[in-house]
Amino acid sequence: MRMLLVEDDEMIGEPIMETMRRAGYAIDWARDGREAELSLDHDVYDLVLLDLGLPKADGVDVLNRYRRRGGSAPVLILTARDAVEDRIAGLDAGADDYLVKPFDLDELAARVRALLRRRTGQTSPLYTHGDLTLDPVSHEVTLRDEPLSLLPREFSLLQALIEEPRRVFTRSELEEKLYGWGEEVGSNTIEVHVSYLRRKLGAEHIVTVRGVGYRLKRCE
């Protein structure tokens, strides 16, 4: 999963970036409203964490323009503006949730997980597909009730696939979900991750759709 943080305060942004990366998310950081709008033009994000009091463009204006362009990623507002009218303005502009500063990072992570589940129509905190189960909170994966040890990128790749098990992901889509700005991605990086993941799951669990990309096998 890839998300965008829009926050101009380094002291707030740094711990959020660390928390989200530790949770296995690819995350980019825009530090003003204009940079946020340019980033959102690429439409690669699964979720947006948006401050309201930004330089160069107010967060509510950024959100309004994003929704008018058809942007559909869940947006979680992070702001010190705690007046009821500010919350209403943010929600009416298209926000999906609202968290007032200062906030607990564990609560932020829980709200992120809830929004991502809602985005994919998932109600349970666990993702299950056939004999596979993935827990995004504990970062545990089991296959036929036996625990599997996955590297962080392998876990992120499996999470992307299991969240939308009927979808065929192209290599570029998976790169966008697994890597943020400035991270070097080799030409065969995704193929390598898929290969290692197949060794641990069994080759039949990840299907190659020739000329398109990858998906999980269909459950009977």
N, C-alpha and C. Protein backbone atom coordinates (compact mmCIF):
# COMPACT_ATOMS: atom_id res chain seq x y z
N MET A 1 0.83 -1.19 0.00
CA MET A 1 0.00 0.00 0.00
C MET A 1 0.88 1.25 0.00
N ARG A 2 0.45 2.23 -0.77
CA ARG A 2 1.22 3.46 -0.86
C ARG A 2 0.35 4.65 -0.46
N MET A 3 0.91 5.52 0.37
CA MET A 3 0.14 6.65 0.83
C MET A 3 0.95 7.94 0.69
N LEU A 4 0.23 9.05 0.77
CA LEU A 4 0.85 10.37 0.71
C LEU A 4 0.59 11.10 2.02
N LEU A 5 1.65 11.58 2.65
CA LEU A 5 1.54 12.46 3.80
C LEU A 5 1.70 13.89 3.34
N VAL A 6 0.75 14.75 3.70
CA VAL A 6 0.83 16.18 3.39
C VAL A 6 0.91 16.92 4.72
N GLU A 7 2.10 17.38 5.06
CA GLU A 7 2.35 17.96 6.38
C GLU A 7 3.57 18.86 6.29
N ASP A 8 3.46 20.11 6.80
CA ASP A 8 4.59 21.04 6.70
C ASP A 8 5.46 21.05 7.95
N ASP A 9 5.03 20.42 9.03
CA ASP A 9 5.77 20.43 10.29
C ASP A 9 6.68 19.19 10.36
N GLU A 10 7.99 19.40 10.35
CA GLU A 10 8.94 18.30 10.37
C GLU A 10 8.78 17.44 11.64
N MET A 11 8.51 18.09 12.78
CA MET A 11 8.43 17.36 14.04
C MET A 11 7.21 16.44 14.09
N ILE A 12 6.20 16.75 13.31
CA ILE A 12 5.02 15.88 13.20
C ILE A 12 5.21 14.87 12.08
N GLY A 13 5.77 15.33 10.97
CA GLY A 13 5.92 14.46 9.80
C GLY A 13 6.88 13.31 10.00
N GLU A 14 8.00 13.57 10.65
CA GLU A 14 9.02 12.52 10.80
C GLU A 14 8.50 11.29 11.54
N PRO A 15 7.86 11.43 12.72
CA PRO A 15 7.36 10.23 13.39
C PRO A 15 6.24 9.53 12.63
N ILE A 16 5.44 10.28 11.87
CA ILE A 16 4.41 9.64 11.05
C ILE A 16 5.06 8.80 9.96
N MET A 17 6.06 9.36 9.30
CA MET A 17 6.76 8.62 8.25
C MET A 17 7.37 7.34 8.82
N GLU A 18 8.01 7.45 9.98
CA GLU A 18 8.64 6.28 10.59
C GLU A 18 7.60 5.23 10.96
N THR A 19 6.48 5.67 11.54
CA THR A 19 5.42 4.73 11.93
C THR A 19 4.84 4.01 10.74
N MET A 20 4.56 4.73 9.68
CA MET A 20 3.94 4.11 8.50
C MET A 20 4.92 3.17 7.79
N ARG A 21 6.18 3.56 7.71
CA ARG A 21 7.17 2.68 7.08
C ARG A 21 7.37 1.41 7.91
N ARG A 22 7.37 1.56 9.24
CA ARG A 22 7.53 0.41 10.10
C ARG A 22 6.33 -0.54 9.96
N ALA A 23 5.18 0.03 9.64
CA ALA A 23 3.98 -0.78 9.43
C ALA A 23 3.96 -1.43 8.04
N GLY A 24 4.95 -1.11 7.22
CA GLY A 24 5.07 -1.77 5.92
C GLY A 24 4.50 -0.99 4.75
N TYR A 25 4.12 0.27 4.97
CA TYR A 25 3.57 1.07 3.88
C TYR A 25 4.66 1.84 3.15
N ALA A 26 4.50 1.99 1.84
CA ALA A 26 5.31 2.94 1.08
C ALA A 26 4.65 4.30 1.25
N ILE A 27 5.43 5.32 1.61
CA ILE A 27 4.83 6.62 1.90
C ILE A 27 5.70 7.74 1.35
N ASP A 28 5.05 8.71 0.70
CA ASP A 28 5.71 9.91 0.21
C ASP A 28 5.28 11.09 1.08
N TRP A 29 6.10 12.15 1.05
CA TRP A 29 5.85 13.29 1.93
C TRP A 29 5.85 14.58 1.13
N ALA A 30 4.69 15.23 1.05
CA ALA A 30 4.57 16.56 0.45
C ALA A 30 4.48 17.58 1.57
N ARG A 31 5.26 18.67 1.46
CA ARG A 31 5.37 19.62 2.57
C ARG A 31 4.60 20.92 2.38
N ASP A 32 3.88 21.05 1.27
CA ASP A 32 3.01 22.22 1.10
C ASP A 32 1.87 21.84 0.16
N GLY A 33 0.89 22.73 0.07
CA GLY A 33 -0.30 22.42 -0.70
C GLY A 33 -0.04 22.24 -2.18
N ARG A 34 0.85 23.02 -2.73
CA ARG A 34 1.14 22.92 -4.15
C ARG A 34 1.83 21.59 -4.47
N GLU A 35 2.80 21.20 -3.64
CA GLU A 35 3.47 19.92 -3.85
C GLU A 35 2.47 18.77 -3.70
N ALA A 36 1.52 18.92 -2.79
CA ALA A 36 0.50 17.89 -2.61
C ALA A 36 -0.34 17.73 -3.88
N GLU A 37 -0.74 18.86 -4.47
CA GLU A 37 -1.56 18.78 -5.68
C GLU A 37 -0.81 18.14 -6.84
N LEU A 38 0.46 18.47 -6.98
CA LEU A 38 1.27 17.85 -8.03
C LEU A 38 1.40 16.35 -7.80
N SER A 39 1.56 15.95 -6.53
CA SER A 39 1.69 14.53 -6.21
C SER A 39 0.39 13.78 -6.49
N LEU A 40 -0.73 14.40 -6.12
CA LEU A 40 -2.02 13.74 -6.30
C LEU A 40 -2.42 13.63 -7.75
N ASP A 41 -1.82 14.44 -8.62
CA ASP A 41 -2.11 14.34 -10.06
C ASP A 41 -1.74 12.97 -10.61
N HIS A 42 -0.79 12.28 -9.95
CA HIS A 42 -0.32 10.99 -10.47
C HIS A 42 -1.29 9.85 -10.16
N ASP A 43 -2.20 10.05 -9.20
CA ASP A 43 -3.25 9.07 -8.88
C ASP A 43 -2.69 7.68 -8.58
N VAL A 44 -1.67 7.62 -7.74
CA VAL A 44 -1.06 6.33 -7.40
C VAL A 44 -1.28 5.95 -5.94
N TYR A 45 -2.01 6.78 -5.20
CA TYR A 45 -2.07 6.58 -3.75
C TYR A 45 -3.32 5.82 -3.32
N ASP A 46 -3.13 4.97 -2.30
CA ASP A 46 -4.24 4.23 -1.72
C ASP A 46 -4.87 4.99 -0.56
N LEU A 47 -4.15 5.99 -0.03
CA LEU A 47 -4.66 6.77 1.10
C LEU A 47 -3.85 8.06 1.22
N VAL A 48 -4.51 9.13 1.71
CA VAL A 48 -3.85 10.42 1.88
C VAL A 48 -4.03 10.88 3.32
N LEU A 49 -2.91 11.27 3.96
CA LEU A 49 -2.94 11.89 5.27
C LEU A 49 -2.72 13.38 5.06
N LEU A 50 -3.71 14.20 5.37
CA LEU A 50 -3.72 15.60 4.93
C LEU A 50 -3.85 16.57 6.09
N ASP A 51 -2.84 17.42 6.25
CA ASP A 51 -2.93 18.55 7.17
C ASP A 51 -3.74 19.66 6.48
N LEU A 52 -4.37 20.52 7.27
CA LEU A 52 -5.16 21.60 6.68
C LEU A 52 -4.39 22.91 6.58
N GLY A 53 -3.62 23.25 7.61
CA GLY A 53 -2.90 24.53 7.61
C GLY A 53 -1.59 24.43 6.88
N LEU A 54 -1.64 24.52 5.56
CA LEU A 54 -0.46 24.30 4.72
C LEU A 54 0.00 25.59 4.05
N PRO A 55 1.31 25.72 3.78
CA PRO A 55 1.78 26.81 2.92
C PRO A 55 1.32 26.59 1.48
N LYS A 56 1.15 27.66 0.76
CA LYS A 56 0.90 27.69 -0.69
C LYS A 56 -0.51 27.27 -1.11
N ALA A 57 -1.20 26.46 -0.33
CA ALA A 57 -2.59 26.12 -0.62
C ALA A 57 -3.19 25.47 0.62
N ASP A 58 -4.36 25.93 1.02
CA ASP A 58 -5.00 25.38 2.21
C ASP A 58 -5.42 23.93 1.95
N GLY A 59 -5.36 23.11 3.00
CA GLY A 59 -5.67 21.70 2.85
C GLY A 59 -7.08 21.43 2.36
N VAL A 60 -8.05 22.22 2.81
CA VAL A 60 -9.43 22.03 2.35
C VAL A 60 -9.53 22.30 0.86
N ASP A 61 -8.82 23.32 0.37
CA ASP A 61 -8.83 23.61 -1.07
C ASP A 61 -8.17 22.48 -1.86
N VAL A 62 -7.07 21.95 -1.33
CA VAL A 62 -6.41 20.81 -1.98
C VAL A 62 -7.38 19.64 -2.09
N LEU A 63 -8.09 19.37 -1.01
CA LEU A 63 -9.03 18.25 -0.99
C LEU A 63 -10.19 18.48 -1.95
N ASN A 64 -10.73 19.68 -1.94
CA ASN A 64 -11.83 20.00 -2.86
C ASN A 64 -11.43 19.77 -4.31
N ARG A 65 -10.26 20.28 -4.68
CA ARG A 65 -9.82 20.13 -6.07
C ARG A 65 -9.54 18.67 -6.39
N TYR A 66 -8.98 17.93 -5.44
CA TYR A 66 -8.69 16.51 -5.65
C TYR A 66 -9.98 15.73 -5.92
N ARG A 67 -11.01 15.97 -5.13
CA ARG A 67 -12.27 15.26 -5.33
C ARG A 67 -12.95 15.69 -6.62
N ARG A 68 -12.87 16.96 -6.97
CA ARG A 68 -13.48 17.41 -8.23
C ARG A 68 -12.82 16.79 -9.44
N ARG A 69 -11.52 16.47 -9.33
CA ARG A 69 -10.82 15.80 -10.44
C ARG A 69 -11.13 14.30 -10.48
N GLY A 70 -11.89 13.82 -9.53
CA GLY A 70 -12.23 12.40 -9.51
C GLY A 70 -11.34 11.57 -8.61
N GLY A 71 -10.48 12.21 -7.81
CA GLY A 71 -9.63 11.46 -6.89
C GLY A 71 -10.46 10.69 -5.88
N SER A 72 -10.18 9.41 -5.72
CA SER A 72 -11.05 8.56 -4.91
C SER A 72 -10.36 7.93 -3.70
N ALA A 73 -9.07 8.19 -3.50
CA ALA A 73 -8.38 7.59 -2.36
C ALA A 73 -8.97 8.12 -1.05
N PRO A 74 -9.07 7.28 -0.02
CA PRO A 74 -9.52 7.78 1.28
C PRO A 74 -8.59 8.88 1.78
N VAL A 75 -9.17 9.89 2.41
CA VAL A 75 -8.40 11.01 2.95
C VAL A 75 -8.67 11.13 4.44
N LEU A 76 -7.60 11.07 5.22
CA LEU A 76 -7.66 11.24 6.67
C LEU A 76 -7.04 12.60 7.00
N ILE A 77 -7.85 13.51 7.51
CA ILE A 77 -7.36 14.84 7.86
C ILE A 77 -6.66 14.79 9.22
N LEU A 78 -5.47 15.39 9.28
CA LEU A 78 -4.70 15.54 10.50
C LEU A 78 -4.50 17.02 10.74
N THR A 79 -5.09 17.57 11.78
CA THR A 79 -5.03 19.02 11.93
C THR A 79 -5.21 19.46 13.37
N ALA A 80 -4.73 20.65 13.67
CA ALA A 80 -4.94 21.25 14.98
C ALA A 80 -6.25 22.02 15.02
N ARG A 81 -6.93 22.16 13.89
CA ARG A 81 -8.21 22.86 13.85
C ARG A 81 -9.29 21.95 14.44
N ASP A 82 -9.69 22.21 15.68
CA ASP A 82 -10.61 21.31 16.35
C ASP A 82 -12.03 21.86 16.48
N ALA A 83 -12.30 23.03 15.89
CA ALA A 83 -13.65 23.59 15.95
C ALA A 83 -14.60 22.73 15.11
N VAL A 84 -15.85 22.65 15.55
CA VAL A 84 -16.84 21.82 14.84
C VAL A 84 -16.97 22.24 13.39
N GLU A 85 -16.98 23.56 13.14
CA GLU A 85 -17.15 24.02 11.76
C GLU A 85 -15.98 23.61 10.87
N ASP A 86 -14.77 23.51 11.45
CA ASP A 86 -13.62 23.06 10.67
C ASP A 86 -13.77 21.58 10.31
N ARG A 87 -14.25 20.78 11.26
CA ARG A 87 -14.47 19.36 10.97
C ARG A 87 -15.52 19.19 9.89
N ILE A 88 -16.59 19.96 10.01
CA ILE A 88 -17.65 19.87 9.00
C ILE A 88 -17.13 20.25 7.63
N ALA A 89 -16.34 21.34 7.57
CA ALA A 89 -15.79 21.79 6.29
C ALA A 89 -14.91 20.71 5.67
N GLY A 90 -14.08 20.06 6.49
CA GLY A 90 -13.21 19.01 5.97
C GLY A 90 -13.98 17.81 5.48
N LEU A 91 -14.97 17.38 6.26
CA LEU A 91 -15.77 16.22 5.86
C LEU A 91 -16.61 16.53 4.63
N ASP A 92 -17.18 17.74 4.56
CA ASP A 92 -17.97 18.12 3.39
C ASP A 92 -17.11 18.26 2.14
N ALA A 93 -15.83 18.55 2.32
CA ALA A 93 -14.93 18.66 1.16
C ALA A 93 -14.55 17.28 0.62
N GLY A 94 -14.85 16.23 1.38
CA GLY A 94 -14.58 14.89 0.87
C GLY A 94 -13.68 14.04 1.73
N ALA A 95 -13.37 14.50 2.96
CA ALA A 95 -12.54 13.68 3.85
C ALA A 95 -13.33 12.47 4.34
N ASP A 96 -12.62 11.41 4.64
CA ASP A 96 -13.24 10.18 5.14
C ASP A 96 -13.12 10.05 6.66
N ASP A 97 -12.17 10.74 7.25
CA ASP A 97 -11.98 10.68 8.69
C ASP A 97 -11.22 11.93 9.12
N TYR A 98 -11.18 12.16 10.43
CA TYR A 98 -10.64 13.41 10.97
C TYR A 98 -9.94 13.09 12.28
N LEU A 99 -8.70 13.51 12.42
CA LEU A 99 -7.94 13.27 13.65
C LEU A 99 -7.30 14.58 14.08
N VAL A 100 -7.57 14.99 15.32
CA VAL A 100 -7.10 16.28 15.83
C VAL A 100 -5.74 16.12 16.50
N LYS A 101 -4.82 17.02 16.18
CA LYS A 101 -3.50 17.05 16.81
C LYS A 101 -3.61 17.61 18.22
N PRO A 102 -2.79 17.13 19.15
CA PRO A 102 -1.87 16.00 19.02
C PRO A 102 -2.62 14.68 19.10
N PHE A 103 -2.11 13.66 18.45
CA PHE A 103 -2.79 12.36 18.43
C PHE A 103 -1.77 11.26 18.72
N ASP A 104 -2.29 10.11 19.09
CA ASP A 104 -1.46 8.94 19.35
C ASP A 104 -1.15 8.24 18.03
N LEU A 105 0.09 7.89 17.81
CA LEU A 105 0.48 7.25 16.53
C LEU A 105 -0.15 5.89 16.36
N ASP A 106 -0.38 5.18 17.45
CA ASP A 106 -1.06 3.89 17.33
C ASP A 106 -2.50 4.07 16.87
N GLU A 107 -3.16 5.13 17.36
CA GLU A 107 -4.52 5.40 16.89
C GLU A 107 -4.51 5.78 15.41
N LEU A 108 -3.52 6.57 15.00
CA LEU A 108 -3.40 6.92 13.59
C LEU A 108 -3.27 5.66 12.75
N ALA A 109 -2.39 4.74 13.16
CA ALA A 109 -2.20 3.50 12.40
C ALA A 109 -3.48 2.69 12.33
N ALA A 110 -4.25 2.65 13.43
CA ALA A 110 -5.50 1.90 13.45
C ALA A 110 -6.52 2.53 12.50
N ARG A 111 -6.58 3.86 12.48
CA ARG A 111 -7.51 4.53 11.56
C ARG A 111 -7.12 4.30 10.10
N VAL A 112 -5.82 4.28 9.83
CA VAL A 112 -5.34 3.99 8.47
C VAL A 112 -5.78 2.59 8.06
N ARG A 113 -5.60 1.61 8.93
CA ARG A 113 -6.01 0.24 8.60
C ARG A 113 -7.51 0.16 8.34
N ALA A 114 -8.29 0.87 9.16
CA ALA A 114 -9.75 0.84 8.99
C ALA A 114 -10.16 1.45 7.65
N LEU A 115 -9.54 2.56 7.28
CA LEU A 115 -9.88 3.20 6.00
C LEU A 115 -9.48 2.33 4.82
N LEU A 116 -8.34 1.66 4.91
CA LEU A 116 -7.92 0.79 3.82
C LEU A 116 -8.82 -0.43 3.70
N ARG A 117 -9.30 -0.95 4.85
CA ARG A 117 -10.25 -2.07 4.79
C ARG A 117 -11.55 -1.62 4.12
N ARG A 118 -12.01 -0.44 4.50
CA ARG A 118 -13.25 0.08 3.92
C ARG A 118 -13.10 0.29 2.42
N ARG A 119 -11.93 0.72 2.01
CA ARG A 119 -11.69 0.98 0.58
C ARG A 119 -11.84 -0.28 -0.25
N THR A 120 -11.43 -1.42 0.30
CA THR A 120 -11.50 -2.67 -0.46
C THR A 120 -12.72 -3.52 -0.08
N GLY A 121 -13.64 -2.94 0.72
CA GLY A 121 -14.84 -3.67 1.09
C GLY A 121 -14.62 -4.75 2.13
N GLN A 122 -13.51 -4.66 2.86
CA GLN A 122 -13.14 -5.66 3.86
C GLN A 122 -13.68 -5.23 5.22
N THR A 123 -14.39 -6.14 5.90
CA THR A 123 -14.91 -5.83 7.23
C THR A 123 -14.07 -6.44 8.33
N SER A 124 -13.50 -7.60 8.09
CA SER A 124 -12.66 -8.25 9.10
C SER A 124 -11.27 -7.62 9.14
N PRO A 125 -10.64 -7.55 10.32
CA PRO A 125 -9.26 -7.05 10.38
C PRO A 125 -8.26 -8.00 9.74
N LEU A 126 -8.67 -9.25 9.50
CA LEU A 126 -7.79 -10.24 8.87
C LEU A 126 -8.19 -10.42 7.41
N TYR A 127 -7.21 -10.66 6.55
CA TYR A 127 -7.46 -10.96 5.15
C TYR A 127 -7.27 -12.47 4.95
N THR A 128 -8.30 -13.12 4.43
CA THR A 128 -8.24 -14.56 4.21
C THR A 128 -8.54 -14.86 2.75
N HIS A 129 -7.74 -15.73 2.18
CA HIS A 129 -7.95 -16.15 0.79
C HIS A 129 -7.57 -17.62 0.71
N GLY A 130 -8.57 -18.48 0.62
CA GLY A 130 -8.29 -19.92 0.63
C GLY A 130 -7.64 -20.32 1.94
N ASP A 131 -6.47 -20.94 1.84
CA ASP A 131 -5.77 -21.38 3.05
C ASP A 131 -4.74 -20.37 3.53
N LEU A 132 -4.79 -19.14 2.98
CA LEU A 132 -3.90 -18.06 3.38
C LEU A 132 -4.61 -17.08 4.30
N THR A 133 -3.94 -16.63 5.34
CA THR A 133 -4.46 -15.58 6.22
C THR A 133 -3.36 -14.57 6.49
N LEU A 134 -3.70 -13.28 6.36
CA LEU A 134 -2.74 -12.20 6.59
C LEU A 134 -3.31 -11.24 7.62
N ASP A 135 -2.52 -10.92 8.62
CA ASP A 135 -2.90 -9.98 9.67
C ASP A 135 -2.06 -8.71 9.51
N PRO A 136 -2.68 -7.60 9.05
CA PRO A 136 -1.89 -6.38 8.82
C PRO A 136 -1.44 -5.69 10.10
N VAL A 137 -2.02 -6.04 11.25
CA VAL A 137 -1.62 -5.43 12.50
C VAL A 137 -0.36 -6.09 13.05
N SER A 138 -0.39 -7.41 13.16
CA SER A 138 0.76 -8.14 13.71
C SER A 138 1.79 -8.50 12.65
N HIS A 139 1.45 -8.29 11.39
CA HIS A 139 2.32 -8.66 10.26
C HIS A 139 2.61 -10.16 10.27
N GLU A 140 1.59 -10.93 10.57
CA GLU A 140 1.71 -12.39 10.56
C GLU A 140 0.94 -12.95 9.38
N VAL A 141 1.54 -13.96 8.77
CA VAL A 141 0.91 -14.68 7.66
C VAL A 141 0.91 -16.16 8.01
N THR A 142 -0.22 -16.81 7.79
CA THR A 142 -0.28 -18.25 7.98
C THR A 142 -0.75 -18.91 6.70
N LEU A 143 -0.24 -20.09 6.44
CA LEU A 143 -0.63 -20.92 5.31
C LEU A 143 -1.02 -22.28 5.88
N ARG A 144 -2.30 -22.62 5.71
CA ARG A 144 -2.84 -23.85 6.31
C ARG A 144 -2.55 -23.89 7.81
N ASP A 145 -2.75 -22.73 8.46
CA ASP A 145 -2.59 -22.54 9.91
C ASP A 145 -1.14 -22.63 10.38
N GLU A 146 -0.20 -22.68 9.45
CA GLU A 146 1.22 -22.69 9.81
C GLU A 146 1.82 -21.31 9.52
N PRO A 147 2.56 -20.73 10.49
CA PRO A 147 3.12 -19.38 10.28
C PRO A 147 4.19 -19.37 9.19
N LEU A 148 4.21 -18.29 8.43
CA LEU A 148 5.24 -18.08 7.41
C LEU A 148 6.09 -16.88 7.80
N SER A 149 7.37 -16.93 7.51
CA SER A 149 8.28 -15.82 7.76
C SER A 149 8.53 -15.10 6.44
N LEU A 150 8.00 -13.86 6.35
CA LEU A 150 8.16 -13.07 5.13
C LEU A 150 8.98 -11.82 5.41
N LEU A 151 9.80 -11.45 4.44
CA LEU A 151 10.50 -10.18 4.51
C LEU A 151 9.49 -9.04 4.30
N PRO A 152 9.83 -7.82 4.74
CA PRO A 152 8.86 -6.72 4.65
C PRO A 152 8.29 -6.50 3.25
N ARG A 153 9.12 -6.55 2.21
CA ARG A 153 8.60 -6.33 0.85
C ARG A 153 7.72 -7.50 0.42
N GLU A 154 8.07 -8.70 0.83
CA GLU A 154 7.25 -9.86 0.50
C GLU A 154 5.88 -9.73 1.16
N PHE A 155 5.87 -9.27 2.41
CA PHE A 155 4.61 -9.07 3.11
C PHE A 155 3.77 -8.01 2.39
N SER A 156 4.39 -6.90 2.03
CA SER A 156 3.67 -5.82 1.35
C SER A 156 3.12 -6.28 0.01
N LEU A 157 3.88 -7.07 -0.71
CA LEU A 157 3.42 -7.59 -1.98
C LEU A 157 2.22 -8.50 -1.78
N LEU A 158 2.31 -9.41 -0.82
CA LEU A 158 1.19 -10.31 -0.56
C LEU A 158 -0.04 -9.53 -0.10
N GLN A 159 0.18 -8.51 0.72
CA GLN A 159 -0.96 -7.71 1.19
C GLN A 159 -1.66 -7.03 0.02
N ALA A 160 -0.89 -6.47 -0.91
CA ALA A 160 -1.50 -5.84 -2.07
C ALA A 160 -2.34 -6.83 -2.86
N LEU A 161 -1.83 -8.04 -3.04
CA LEU A 161 -2.55 -9.05 -3.81
C LEU A 161 -3.79 -9.55 -3.09
N ILE A 162 -3.68 -9.77 -1.77
CA ILE A 162 -4.79 -10.37 -1.03
C ILE A 162 -5.90 -9.36 -0.75
N GLU A 163 -5.58 -8.08 -0.75
CA GLU A 163 -6.62 -7.07 -0.56
C GLU A 163 -7.55 -6.97 -1.76
N GLU A 164 -7.03 -7.26 -2.94
CA GLU A 164 -7.86 -7.25 -4.16
C GLU A 164 -7.56 -8.53 -4.94
N PRO A 165 -8.01 -9.67 -4.44
CA PRO A 165 -7.57 -10.96 -4.99
C PRO A 165 -8.04 -11.25 -6.41
N ARG A 166 -9.04 -10.56 -6.89
CA ARG A 166 -9.51 -10.80 -8.26
C ARG A 166 -8.81 -9.91 -9.28
N ARG A 167 -8.06 -8.97 -8.79
CA ARG A 167 -7.42 -8.00 -9.69
C ARG A 167 -6.07 -8.50 -10.17
N VAL A 168 -5.77 -8.24 -11.42
CA VAL A 168 -4.45 -8.51 -11.98
C VAL A 168 -3.64 -7.23 -11.88
N PHE A 169 -2.53 -7.28 -11.15
CA PHE A 169 -1.68 -6.11 -10.97
C PHE A 169 -0.53 -6.14 -11.98
N THR A 170 -0.31 -5.01 -12.63
CA THR A 170 0.85 -4.91 -13.50
C THR A 170 2.09 -4.71 -12.64
N ARG A 171 3.25 -4.90 -13.25
CA ARG A 171 4.50 -4.70 -12.53
C ARG A 171 4.61 -3.25 -12.04
N SER A 172 4.24 -2.29 -12.88
CA SER A 172 4.36 -0.89 -12.48
C SER A 172 3.41 -0.56 -11.33
N GLU A 173 2.22 -1.16 -11.32
CA GLU A 173 1.29 -0.92 -10.22
C GLU A 173 1.86 -1.45 -8.91
N LEU A 174 2.48 -2.60 -8.95
CA LEU A 174 3.08 -3.17 -7.74
C LEU A 174 4.28 -2.34 -7.28
N GLU A 175 5.07 -1.85 -8.22
CA GLU A 175 6.19 -0.97 -7.86
C GLU A 175 5.68 0.26 -7.13
N GLU A 176 4.58 0.85 -7.63
CA GLU A 176 4.02 2.04 -7.01
C GLU A 176 3.51 1.77 -5.61
N LYS A 177 3.01 0.57 -5.36
CA LYS A 177 2.49 0.22 -4.05
C LYS A 177 3.60 -0.09 -3.05
N LEU A 178 4.72 -0.60 -3.54
CA LEU A 178 5.77 -1.07 -2.64
C LEU A 178 6.88 -0.05 -2.41
N TYR A 179 7.00 0.95 -3.30
CA TYR A 179 8.14 1.86 -3.20
C TYR A 179 7.70 3.32 -3.23
N GLY A 180 8.34 4.14 -2.41
CA GLY A 180 8.07 5.57 -2.38
C GLY A 180 9.10 6.36 -3.16
N TRP A 181 9.00 7.69 -3.05
CA TRP A 181 9.94 8.57 -3.76
C TRP A 181 11.37 8.25 -3.35
N GLY A 182 12.25 8.27 -4.34
CA GLY A 182 13.68 8.17 -4.05
C GLY A 182 14.17 6.76 -3.80
N GLU A 183 13.28 5.78 -3.75
CA GLU A 183 13.71 4.40 -3.54
C GLU A 183 14.03 3.77 -4.89
N GLU A 184 15.21 3.18 -4.96
CA GLU A 184 15.66 2.62 -6.23
C GLU A 184 14.95 1.30 -6.51
N VAL A 185 14.42 1.19 -7.73
CA VAL A 185 13.69 -0.01 -8.13
C VAL A 185 14.34 -0.57 -9.39
N GLY A 186 14.88 -1.78 -9.30
CA GLY A 186 15.49 -2.41 -10.46
C GLY A 186 14.46 -2.89 -11.46
N SER A 187 14.90 -3.16 -12.68
CA SER A 187 13.97 -3.54 -13.74
C SER A 187 13.27 -4.86 -13.46
N ASN A 188 13.90 -5.73 -12.65
CA ASN A 188 13.28 -7.03 -12.36
C ASN A 188 12.95 -7.20 -10.88
N THR A 189 12.85 -6.08 -10.17
CA THR A 189 12.65 -6.15 -8.72
C THR A 189 11.36 -6.89 -8.35
N ILE A 190 10.26 -6.56 -9.00
CA ILE A 190 8.99 -7.20 -8.68
C ILE A 190 9.05 -8.69 -8.99
N GLU A 191 9.66 -9.04 -10.11
CA GLU A 191 9.78 -10.45 -10.45
C GLU A 191 10.56 -11.22 -9.38
N VAL A 192 11.59 -10.58 -8.82
CA VAL A 192 12.38 -11.22 -7.76
C VAL A 192 11.53 -11.42 -6.52
N HIS A 193 10.77 -10.39 -6.12
CA HIS A 193 9.90 -10.52 -4.94
C HIS A 193 8.87 -11.63 -5.16
N VAL A 194 8.28 -11.66 -6.35
CA VAL A 194 7.28 -12.69 -6.65
C VAL A 194 7.91 -14.08 -6.56
N SER A 195 9.11 -14.21 -7.08
CA SER A 195 9.81 -15.50 -7.06
C SER A 195 10.05 -15.99 -5.64
N TYR A 196 10.55 -15.09 -4.78
CA TYR A 196 10.80 -15.46 -3.38
C TYR A 196 9.50 -15.79 -2.65
N LEU A 197 8.46 -15.01 -2.94
CA LEU A 197 7.18 -15.25 -2.28
C LEU A 197 6.60 -16.60 -2.72
N ARG A 198 6.75 -16.94 -3.98
CA ARG A 198 6.27 -18.24 -4.46
C ARG A 198 6.98 -19.39 -3.78
N ARG A 199 8.26 -19.24 -3.50
CA ARG A 199 9.00 -20.30 -2.82
C ARG A 199 8.43 -20.58 -1.45
N LYS A 200 7.92 -19.53 -0.80
CA LYS A 200 7.40 -19.69 0.57
C LYS A 200 5.94 -20.12 0.59
N LEU A 201 5.16 -19.65 -0.39
CA LEU A 201 3.74 -19.97 -0.43
C LEU A 201 3.44 -21.24 -1.21
N GLY A 202 4.29 -21.51 -2.20
CA GLY A 202 3.97 -22.51 -3.22
C GLY A 202 3.68 -21.77 -4.51
N ALA A 203 4.27 -22.24 -5.58
CA ALA A 203 4.19 -21.50 -6.85
C ALA A 203 2.77 -21.30 -7.33
N GLU A 204 1.86 -22.20 -6.95
CA GLU A 204 0.49 -22.13 -7.47
C GLU A 204 -0.31 -20.97 -6.88
N HIS A 205 0.16 -20.39 -5.79
CA HIS A 205 -0.63 -19.35 -5.13
C HIS A 205 -0.60 -18.02 -5.87
N ILE A 206 0.44 -17.75 -6.64
CA ILE A 206 0.52 -16.50 -7.40
C ILE A 206 0.54 -16.84 -8.88
N VAL A 207 -0.46 -16.33 -9.58
CA VAL A 207 -0.63 -16.66 -11.00
C VAL A 207 -0.05 -15.53 -11.85
N THR A 208 0.71 -15.91 -12.88
CA THR A 208 1.19 -14.94 -13.86
C THR A 208 0.19 -14.86 -15.00
N VAL A 209 -0.35 -13.69 -15.25
CA VAL A 209 -1.22 -13.48 -16.41
C VAL A 209 -0.33 -12.91 -17.51
N ARG A 210 -0.03 -13.73 -18.46
CA ARG A 210 0.98 -13.38 -19.46
C ARG A 210 0.68 -12.06 -20.16
N GLY A 211 1.69 -11.21 -20.19
CA GLY A 211 1.56 -9.91 -20.85
C GLY A 211 0.85 -8.87 -20.01
N VAL A 212 0.40 -9.24 -18.80
CA VAL A 212 -0.33 -8.28 -17.96
C VAL A 212 0.35 -8.13 -16.60
N GLY A 213 0.35 -9.20 -15.78
CA GLY A 213 0.93 -9.08 -14.45
C GLY A 213 0.62 -10.27 -13.57
N TYR A 214 0.26 -10.01 -12.32
CA TYR A 214 0.11 -11.07 -11.33
C TYR A 214 -1.19 -10.92 -10.55
N ARG A 215 -1.72 -12.06 -10.09
CA ARG A 215 -2.86 -12.10 -9.20
C ARG A 215 -2.75 -13.35 -8.34
N LEU A 216 -3.57 -13.41 -7.30
CA LEU A 216 -3.64 -14.64 -6.51
C LEU A 216 -4.47 -15.67 -7.28
N LYS A 217 -4.22 -16.95 -6.98
CA LYS A 217 -5.01 -17.99 -7.59
C LYS A 217 -6.46 -17.86 -7.15
N ARG A 218 -7.37 -18.31 -7.98
CA ARG A 218 -8.79 -18.27 -7.63
C ARG A 218 -9.12 -19.39 -6.66
N CYS A 219 -9.94 -19.06 -5.68
CA CYS A 219 -10.39 -20.07 -4.72
C CYS A 219 -11.60 -20.80 -5.27
N GLU A 220 -11.65 -22.08 -5.04
CA GLU A 220 -12.80 -22.89 -5.51
C GLU A 220 -14.02 -22.61 -4.64
